[in-house]
C-alpha atoms as a PDB file:
ATOM      1  CA  MET A   1     -50.615  48.274 232.725  1.00  0.00           C
ATOM      2  CA  SER A   2     -48.138  46.123 230.403  1.00  0.00           C
ATOM      3  CA  ILE A   3     -48.230  45.978 226.744  1.00  0.00           C
ATOM      4  CA  ASN A   4     -49.260  42.296 226.822  1.00  0.00           C
ATOM      5  CA  ARG A   5     -52.465  43.028 228.837  1.00  0.00           C
ATOM      6  CA  ILE A   6     -53.331  46.030 226.755  1.00  0.00           C
ATOM      7  CA  ARG A   7     -53.027  43.637 223.922  1.00  0.00           C
ATOM      8  CA  ARG A   8     -54.994  40.912 225.399  1.00  0.00           C
ATOM      9  CA  GLU A   9     -57.891  43.470 226.583  1.00  0.00           C
ATOM     10  CA  GLY A  10     -57.878  44.886 222.636  1.00  0.00           C
ATOM     11  CA  GLN A  11     -56.880  48.591 223.734  1.00  0.00           C
ATOM     12  CA  VAL A  12     -54.249  48.517 220.994  1.00  0.00           C
ATOM     13  CA  GLN A  13     -55.751  51.527 219.139  1.00  0.00           C
ATOM     14  CA  HIS A  14     -55.233  53.784 221.753  1.00  0.00           C
ATOM     15  CA  LEU A  15     -51.354  53.385 221.592  1.00  0.00           C
ATOM     16  CA  PRO A  16     -49.803  54.015 218.522  1.00  0.00           C
ATOM     17  CA  PHE A  17     -46.969  51.748 218.517  1.00  0.00           C
ATOM     18  CA  ALA A  18     -48.398  49.006 221.046  1.00  0.00           C
ATOM     19  CA  PHE A  19     -48.612  46.136 218.450  1.00  0.00           C
ATOM     20  CA  ILE A  20     -44.975  46.450 217.802  1.00  0.00           C
ATOM     21  CA  PRO A  21     -43.087  43.894 219.515  1.00  0.00           C
ATOM     22  CA  SER A  22     -40.652  45.945 222.037  1.00  0.00           C
ATOM     23  CA  SER A  23     -37.148  44.922 220.075  1.00  0.00           C
ATOM     24  CA  GLN A  24     -38.496  46.693 216.986  1.00  0.00           C
ATOM     25  CA  ALA A  25     -39.881  49.198 218.912  1.00  0.00           C
ATOM     26  CA  LYS A  26     -36.331  50.440 220.334  1.00  0.00           C
ATOM     27  CA  CYS A  27     -35.122  50.159 216.941  1.00  0.00           C
ATOM     28  CA  LEU A  28     -37.837  52.499 215.431  1.00  0.00           C
ATOM     29  CA  ALA A  29     -37.302  54.851 218.445  1.00  0.00           C
ATOM     30  CA  VAL A  30     -33.314  54.930 217.957  1.00  0.00           C
ATOM     31  CA  PHE A  31     -33.800  55.750 213.799  1.00  0.00           C
ATOM     32  CA  VAL A  32     -36.477  58.450 215.041  1.00  0.00           C
ATOM     33  CA  LEU A  33     -33.715  59.956 217.515  1.00  0.00           C
ATOM     34  CA  LEU A  34     -31.102  59.483 214.817  1.00  0.00           C
ATOM     35  CA  ALA A  35     -33.169  61.135 212.171  1.00  0.00           C
ATOM     36  CA  ILE A  36     -34.048  64.108 214.332  1.00  0.00           C
ATOM     37  CA  GLY A  37     -30.450  64.445 215.399  1.00  0.00           C
ATOM     38  CA  VAL A  38     -29.146  64.464 211.884  1.00  0.00           C
ATOM     39  CA  ALA A  39     -31.897  67.111 210.927  1.00  0.00           C
ATOM     40  CA  VAL A  40     -30.694  69.460 213.943  1.00  0.00           C
ATOM     41  CA  TRP A  41     -26.928  68.953 213.346  1.00  0.00           C
ATOM     42  CA  ILE A  42     -27.553  70.276 209.582  1.00  0.00           C
ATOM     43  CA  ASN A  43     -29.693  73.043 210.869  1.00  0.00           C
ATOM     44  CA  VAL A  44     -27.327  74.016 212.896  1.00  0.00           C
ATOM     45  CA  SER A  45     -24.234  73.653 210.683  1.00  0.00           C
ATOM     46  CA  TYR A  46     -25.620  75.614 207.981  1.00  0.00           C
ATOM     47  CA  ALA A  47     -27.041  78.302 210.610  1.00  0.00           C
ATOM     48  CA  GLN A  48     -23.486  78.705 211.690  1.00  0.00           C
ATOM     49  CA  ALA A  49     -21.798  78.292 208.274  1.00  0.00           C
ATOM     50  CA  PRO A  50     -21.030  81.964 206.898  1.00  0.00           C
ATOM     51  CA  GLU A  51     -22.760  82.435 203.795  1.00  0.00           C
ATOM     52  CA  VAL A  52     -20.312  83.229 201.287  1.00  0.00           C
ATOM     53  CA  SER A  53     -20.875  85.201 197.913  1.00  0.00           C
ATOM     54  CA  TYR A  54     -19.140  86.488 194.774  1.00  0.00           C
ATOM     55  CA  ASP A  55     -20.031  89.036 192.090  1.00  0.00           C
ATOM     56  CA  GLU A  56     -21.166  87.094 189.203  1.00  0.00           C
ATOM     57  CA  GLU A  57     -20.224  89.987 187.141  1.00  0.00           C
ATOM     58  CA  GLU A  58     -16.408  90.132 188.411  1.00  0.00           C
ATOM     59  CA  ALA A  59     -16.113  86.351 187.883  1.00  0.00           C
ATOM     60  CA  GLN A  60     -17.230  87.013 184.239  1.00  0.00           C
ATOM     61  CA  ALA A  61     -14.709  89.920 183.758  1.00  0.00           C
ATOM     62  CA  ILE A  62     -12.100  87.639 185.080  1.00  0.00           C
ATOM     63  CA  ASP A  63     -12.920  84.889 182.711  1.00  0.00           C
ATOM     64  CA  GLN A  64     -12.562  87.352 179.776  1.00  0.00           C
ATOM     65  CA  MET A  65      -8.830  88.082 181.147  1.00  0.00           C
ATOM     66  CA  LEU A  66      -7.744  84.418 181.043  1.00  0.00           C
ATOM     67  CA  MET A  67      -6.865  82.593 177.820  1.00  0.00           C
ATOM     68  CA  CYS A  68      -7.584  78.866 177.873  1.00  0.00           C
ATOM     69  CA  PRO A  69      -4.544  76.964 177.975  1.00  0.00           C
ATOM     70  CA  VAL A  70      -5.565  74.356 175.138  1.00  0.00           C
ATOM     71  CA  CYS A  71      -7.846  76.327 172.639  1.00  0.00           C
ATOM     72  CA  PRO A  72      -6.027  79.063 170.652  1.00  0.00           C
ATOM     73  CA  ALA A  73      -7.077  82.613 170.702  1.00  0.00           C
ATOM     74  CA  GLU A  74     -10.007  81.846 173.114  1.00  0.00           C
ATOM     75  CA  SER A  75     -10.674  83.115 176.704  1.00  0.00           C
ATOM     76  CA  ILE A  76     -12.012  80.968 179.236  1.00  0.00           C
ATOM     77  CA  ASP A  77     -15.362  82.559 179.191  1.00  0.00           C
ATOM     78  CA  GLN A  78     -15.694  81.242 175.290  1.00  0.00           C
ATOM     79  CA  ALA A  79     -14.122  77.786 175.455  1.00  0.00           C
ATOM     80  CA  GLN A  80     -16.228  74.832 176.293  1.00  0.00           C
ATOM     81  CA  VAL A  81     -13.566  72.192 176.941  1.00  0.00           C
ATOM     82  CA  PRO A  82     -13.507  70.505 180.289  1.00  0.00           C
ATOM     83  CA  LEU A  83     -10.341  72.886 181.547  1.00  0.00           C
ATOM     84  CA  ALA A  84     -11.915  75.934 180.596  1.00  0.00           C
ATOM     85  CA  LYS A  85     -14.989  75.024 182.743  1.00  0.00           C
ATOM     86  CA  GLN A  86     -12.660  73.892 185.748  1.00  0.00           C
ATOM     87  CA  MET A  87     -10.827  77.270 185.364  1.00  0.00           C
ATOM     88  CA  ARG A  88     -14.182  79.259 185.277  1.00  0.00           C
ATOM     89  CA  GLN A  89     -15.284  77.235 188.662  1.00  0.00           C
ATOM     90  CA  ARG A  90     -11.896  77.838 190.154  1.00  0.00           C
ATOM     91  CA  VAL A  91     -12.284  81.550 189.687  1.00  0.00           C
ATOM     92  CA  ARG A  92     -15.543  81.431 191.479  1.00  0.00           C
ATOM     93  CA  GLU A  93     -14.051  79.522 194.313  1.00  0.00           C
ATOM     94  CA  LEU A  94     -11.249  82.286 194.725  1.00  0.00           C
ATOM     95  CA  LEU A  95     -13.753  84.803 194.665  1.00  0.00           C
ATOM     96  CA  SER A  96     -16.155  82.949 197.165  1.00  0.00           C
ATOM     97  CA  GLU A  97     -12.898  82.840 199.467  1.00  0.00           C
ATOM     98  CA  GLY A  98     -12.179  86.807 199.194  1.00  0.00           C
ATOM     99  CA  ALA A  99      -9.599  86.843 196.593  1.00  0.00           C
ATOM    100  CA  THR A 100      -8.907  90.131 194.611  1.00  0.00           C
ATOM    101  CA  ARG A 101      -8.913  89.974 190.917  1.00  0.00           C
ATOM    102  CA  GLN A 102      -5.386  90.625 190.667  1.00  0.00           C
ATOM    103  CA  GLU A 103      -4.826  87.477 193.226  1.00  0.00           C
ATOM    104  CA  VAL A 104      -6.734  85.341 190.959  1.00  0.00           C
ATOM    105  CA  LEU A 105      -4.837  86.518 187.813  1.00  0.00           C
ATOM    106  CA  ASP A 106      -1.721  85.951 189.706  1.00  0.00           C
ATOM    107  CA  TYR A 107      -2.977  82.422 190.883  1.00  0.00           C
ATOM    108  CA  PHE A 108      -3.746  81.436 186.797  1.00  0.00           C
ATOM    109  CA  ALA A 109      -0.442  82.889 186.183  1.00  0.00           C
ATOM    110  CA  ASP A 110       1.622  81.146 188.669  1.00  0.00           C
ATOM    111  CA  ARG A 111      -0.057  77.560 187.393  1.00  0.00           C
ATOM    112  CA  TYR A 112       0.120  78.325 183.694  1.00  0.00           C
ATOM    113  CA  GLY A 113       2.486  81.071 182.754  1.00  0.00           C
ATOM    114  CA  GLN A 114       2.228  84.507 181.746  1.00  0.00           C
ATOM    115  CA  ASN A 115       0.562  83.159 178.205  1.00  0.00           C
ATOM    116  CA  VAL A 116      -2.579  82.503 180.112  1.00  0.00           C
ATOM    117  CA  LEU A 117      -3.368  86.155 180.795  1.00  0.00           C
ATOM    118  CA  ALA A 118      -5.417  88.043 177.778  1.00  0.00           C
ATOM    119  CA  SER A 119      -3.460  91.141 178.377  1.00  0.00           C
ATOM    120  CA  PRO A 120       0.388  91.236 179.249  1.00  0.00           C
ATOM    121  CA  PRO A 121       1.453  92.588 182.539  1.00  0.00           C
ATOM    122  CA  LYS A 122       2.945  96.233 182.020  1.00  0.00           C
ATOM    123  CA  SER A 123       6.175  95.357 183.222  1.00  0.00           C
ATOM    124  CA  GLY A 124       9.707  94.243 181.657  1.00  0.00           C
ATOM    125  CA  VAL A 125       9.891  93.025 178.102  1.00  0.00           C
ATOM    126  CA  ASN A 126       5.743  93.075 177.784  1.00  0.00           C
ATOM    127  CA  LEU A 127       6.076  96.836 178.771  1.00  0.00           C
ATOM    128  CA  LEU A 128       6.891  97.176 174.931  1.00  0.00           C
ATOM    129  CA  ALA A 129       3.520  95.619 173.992  1.00  0.00           C
ATOM    130  CA  TRP A 130       2.138  98.764 175.553  1.00  0.00           C
ATOM    131  CA  ALA A 131       4.265 101.358 174.807  1.00  0.00           C
ATOM    132  CA  LEU A 132       4.862 100.533 170.948  1.00  0.00           C
ATOM    133  CA  PRO A 133       1.207 101.018 170.018  1.00  0.00           C
ATOM    134  CA  ILE A 134       1.230 104.246 171.918  1.00  0.00           C
ATOM    135  CA  ALA A 135       4.507 105.471 170.640  1.00  0.00           C
ATOM    136  CA  GLY A 136       3.264 104.524 166.770  1.00  0.00           C
ATOM    137  CA  LEU A 137       0.019 106.528 167.141  1.00  0.00           C
ATOM    138  CA  LEU A 138       1.832 109.628 168.366  1.00  0.00           C
ATOM    139  CA  ALA A 139       4.550 109.210 165.441  1.00  0.00           C
ATOM    140  CA  ALA A 140       1.320 109.115 163.085  1.00  0.00           C
ATOM    141  CA  LEU A 141      -0.145 112.139 164.103  1.00  0.00           C
ATOM    142  CA  VAL A 142       3.405 113.912 164.024  1.00  0.00           C
ATOM    143  CA  ALA A 143       3.638 112.679 160.471  1.00  0.00           C
ATOM    144  CA  VAL A 144       0.238 113.728 159.787  1.00  0.00           C
ATOM    145  CA  PHE A 145       0.921 117.440 161.265  1.00  0.00           C
ATOM    146  CA  PHE A 146       3.911 117.915 159.054  1.00  0.00           C
ATOM    147  CA  VAL A 147       2.411 116.567 155.975  1.00  0.00           C
ATOM    148  CA  LEU A 148      -0.577 118.966 156.288  1.00  0.00           C
ATOM    149  CA  ARG A 149       1.659 121.891 157.363  1.00  0.00           C
ATOM    150  CA  ALA A 150       3.727 121.297 154.021  1.00  0.00           C
ATOM    151  CA  MET A 151       0.446 121.006 151.902  1.00  0.00           C
ATOM    152  CA  LYS A 152      -0.506 124.370 153.358  1.00  0.00           C
ATOM    153  CA  GLY A 153       2.717 125.685 152.630  1.00  0.00           C
ATOM    154  CA  SER A 154       3.002 124.526 148.864  1.00  0.00           C
ATOM    155  CA  GLY A 155      -0.142 126.165 148.511  1.00  0.00           C
ATOM    156  CA  ASP A 156       0.503 129.277 149.786  1.00  0.00           C
ATOM    157  CA  GLY A 157       3.547 129.105 147.133  1.00  0.00           C
ATOM    158  CA  GLN A 158       0.872 128.490 144.458  1.00  0.00           C
ATOM    159  CA  GLY A 159      -0.704 131.708 145.182  1.00  0.00           C
ATOM    160  CA  VAL A 160       2.430 133.925 145.123  1.00  0.00           C
ATOM    161  CA  ASP A 161       3.360 132.455 141.185  1.00  0.00           C
ATOM    162  CA  ALA A 162       0.071 132.476 140.249  1.00  0.00           C
ATOM    163  CA  PRO A 163       0.757 136.242 138.348  1.00  0.00           C
ATOM    164  CA  ASN A 164       4.014 134.820 136.736  1.00  0.00           C
ATOM    165  CA  GLU A 165       1.907 132.091 135.656  1.00  0.00           C
ATOM    166  CA  GLY A 166      -0.667 134.277 134.086  1.00  0.00           C
ATOM    167  CA  ALA A 167       1.969 136.519 132.556  1.00  0.00           C
ATOM    168  CA  GLU A 168       3.321 133.383 130.402  1.00  0.00           C
ATOM    169  CA  ALA A 169       0.099 132.744 129.807  1.00  0.00           C
ATOM    170  CA  GLY A 170      -0.464 136.102 128.171  1.00  0.00           C
ATOM    171  CA  GLU A 171       2.845 135.509 126.158  1.00  0.00           C
ATOM    172  CA  LEU A 172       1.726 132.316 125.053  1.00  0.00           C
ATOM    173  CA  ALA A 173      -1.920 133.456 123.913  1.00  0.00           C
ATOM    174  CA  PRO A 174      -0.662 134.411 120.139  1.00  0.00           C
ATOM    175  CA  TYR A 175       0.580 130.992 119.555  1.00  0.00           C
ATOM    176  CA  LEU A 176      -2.431 129.224 120.822  1.00  0.00           C
ATOM    177  CA  ALA A 177      -4.949 131.364 118.633  1.00  0.00           C
ATOM    178  CA  ALA A 178      -2.730 130.119 115.682  1.00  0.00           C
ATOM    179  CA  VAL A 179      -2.875 126.722 116.999  1.00  0.00           C
ATOM    180  CA  ASP A 180      -6.423 127.106 117.369  1.00  0.00           C
ATOM    181  CA  ARG A 181      -6.844 128.495 113.824  1.00  0.00           C
ATOM    182  CA  SER A 182      -4.926 126.035 112.245  1.00  0.00           C
ATOM    183  CA  LEU A 183      -7.238 123.140 113.860  1.00  0.00           C
ATOM    184  CA  ALA A 184     -10.285 125.329 113.434  1.00  0.00           C
ATOM    185  CA  LEU A 185     -11.220 125.150 117.418  1.00  0.00           C
ATOM    186  CA  ASP A 186     -12.642 128.585 117.206  1.00  0.00           C
ATOM    187  CA  GLU A 187     -14.784 128.202 114.610  1.00  0.00           C
ATOM    188  CA  PRO A 188     -18.558 127.395 115.718  1.00  0.00           C
ATOM    189  CA  ASP A 189     -19.021 125.319 112.608  1.00  0.00           C
ATOM    190  CA  GLY A 190     -15.959 123.311 113.176  1.00  0.00           C
ATOM    191  CA  GLY A 191     -14.404 121.958 110.004  1.00  0.00           C
ATOM    192  CA  ASN A 192     -16.827 123.444 107.652  1.00  0.00           C
ATOM    193  CA  ASN A 193     -15.804 127.077 107.944  1.00  0.00           C
ATOM    194  CA  ALA A 194     -11.813 125.806 107.756  1.00  0.00           C
ATOM    195  CA  ASP A 195     -12.522 124.110 104.515  1.00  0.00           C
ATOM    196  CA  GLU A 196     -14.115 127.521 103.217  1.00  0.00           C
ATOM    197  CA  GLN A 197     -11.299 129.783 104.087  1.00  0.00           C
ATOM    198  CA  ASN A 198      -8.972 127.343 102.649  1.00  0.00           C
ATOM    199  CA  PRO A 199      -9.730 125.691  99.409  1.00  0.00           C
ATOM    200  CA  PRO A 200      -7.628 123.234  98.116  1.00  0.00           C
END
């Protein structure tokens, strides 16, 4: 039974696309087949693609280790300039590709120099930046030890000399009493009794 005969007999409602001309029906069929093919291809490609992920905490830790090349004293996790955003994105891409923390840091150090690293590497001249604070702390502790030791020794010496100081104070006692009498400091009434004892 041809489509034209079906149209003439009024049975179009039984065939969904019978009312469309044959050239348009072919185009519609090709379009539907292409759409189905694209959908199947997308599903297959997503199913075959390995699921790549990275640890966001590791990425943020690396962001804090990299300084922004255009922002003074800001790491890329703090800076909001476009370059810092690109660097953060690149960190995540490298981690997704399986790079380690050191490989990511080396990648940026190769492109921007050692100044991009928040902490200098522990080698060469940069070793001084790590060694000097530790050496300074040790020197300060040694100095405090010797100061405390000297203070303890001088304290012991004062205890030994204490009897001599008492003897010297005993020898000076009559002179101090005379000074007190002349100033009337040993009298409870102060200067009133001194005036009575020494009339003009």
